[in-house]
Amino acid sequence: MTDFDAQYPEAMLIYMRHNGPHFNRNLCEFAVSLMTKRNSSGDEVPVKPYTKEEVESILKAHNVKLKNN
């Protein structure tokens, strides 16, 4: 048993061994790399992903507090 195995319930381990992980950082970066948006002049431009710090700054500016962050 590895450290990974020790921290998850047995049913979850069985599921992960059979189905694998679903969405991780690499998949997120790949998905965002394919996204575009239209700017004010109507041109399609790539979407720039927010960093964790940028998201925290936006939440703080709008006085949003998250539980279990």
Protein backbone atom coordinates (compact mmCIF):
# COMPACT_ATOMS: atom_id res chain seq x y z
CA MET A 1 0.00 0.00 0.00
CA THR A 2 1.37 3.42 -0.97
CA ASP A 3 0.87 6.76 0.78
CA PHE A 4 -1.67 7.60 -1.93
CA ASP A 5 -3.66 4.46 -1.13
CA ALA A 6 -3.62 5.15 2.59
CA GLN A 7 -5.41 8.49 2.30
CA TYR A 8 -8.42 7.38 0.21
CA PRO A 9 -11.32 5.00 0.91
CA GLU A 10 -11.03 1.57 -0.72
CA ALA A 11 -14.08 2.13 -2.95
CA MET A 12 -12.52 5.30 -4.33
CA LEU A 13 -9.23 3.51 -5.03
CA ILE A 14 -11.03 0.78 -6.94
CA TYR A 15 -12.90 3.40 -8.96
CA MET A 16 -9.70 5.35 -9.73
CA ARG A 17 -7.83 2.20 -10.76
CA HIS A 18 -10.63 1.30 -13.15
CA ASN A 19 -11.57 4.75 -14.51
CA GLY A 20 -8.52 6.90 -13.82
CA PRO A 21 -8.49 10.57 -12.85
CA HIS A 22 -10.98 12.84 -14.54
CA PHE A 23 -9.83 16.45 -14.53
CA ASN A 24 -6.44 17.62 -13.41
CA ARG A 25 -4.22 20.66 -13.90
CA ASN A 26 -2.81 19.43 -17.23
CA LEU A 27 -6.27 18.77 -18.63
CA CYS A 28 -7.43 22.19 -17.41
CA GLU A 29 -4.48 23.93 -19.07
CA PHE A 30 -5.13 22.03 -22.30
CA ALA A 31 -8.84 22.93 -22.29
CA VAL A 32 -8.15 26.60 -21.62
CA SER A 33 -5.48 26.68 -24.35
CA LEU A 34 -8.24 25.89 -26.88
CA MET A 35 -10.62 28.60 -25.62
CA THR A 36 -11.07 31.97 -27.29
CA LYS A 37 -13.20 35.03 -26.68
CA ARG A 38 -14.13 38.05 -28.76
CA ASN A 39 -12.56 41.36 -27.81
CA SER A 40 -14.26 44.75 -28.17
CA SER A 41 -13.37 44.95 -31.88
CA GLY A 42 -14.86 41.50 -32.55
CA ASP A 43 -11.57 39.65 -33.02
CA GLU A 44 -11.11 36.22 -31.46
CA VAL A 45 -8.32 36.22 -28.90
CA PRO A 46 -7.04 33.42 -26.63
CA VAL A 47 -8.46 33.24 -23.10
CA LYS A 48 -5.88 34.04 -20.43
CA PRO A 49 -6.31 31.80 -17.38
CA TYR A 50 -6.33 33.47 -13.97
CA THR A 51 -3.69 32.59 -11.41
CA LYS A 52 -4.68 31.59 -7.90
CA GLU A 53 -3.46 34.97 -6.65
CA GLU A 54 -5.57 36.83 -9.22
CA VAL A 55 -8.68 34.90 -8.21
CA GLU A 56 -8.03 35.58 -4.52
CA SER A 57 -7.58 39.29 -5.28
CA ILE A 58 -10.87 39.45 -7.20
CA LEU A 59 -12.72 37.62 -4.43
CA LYS A 60 -11.25 39.93 -1.81
CA ALA A 61 -12.13 43.05 -3.85
CA HIS A 62 -15.77 41.90 -3.95
CA ASN A 63 -15.77 40.80 -0.28
CA VAL A 64 -16.42 37.14 -1.14
CA LYS A 65 -15.35 34.64 1.50
CA LEU A 66 -15.09 30.93 0.69
CA LYS A 67 -15.41 28.09 3.15
CA ASN A 68 -13.17 25.05 2.62
CA ASN A 69 -10.96 27.06 0.29
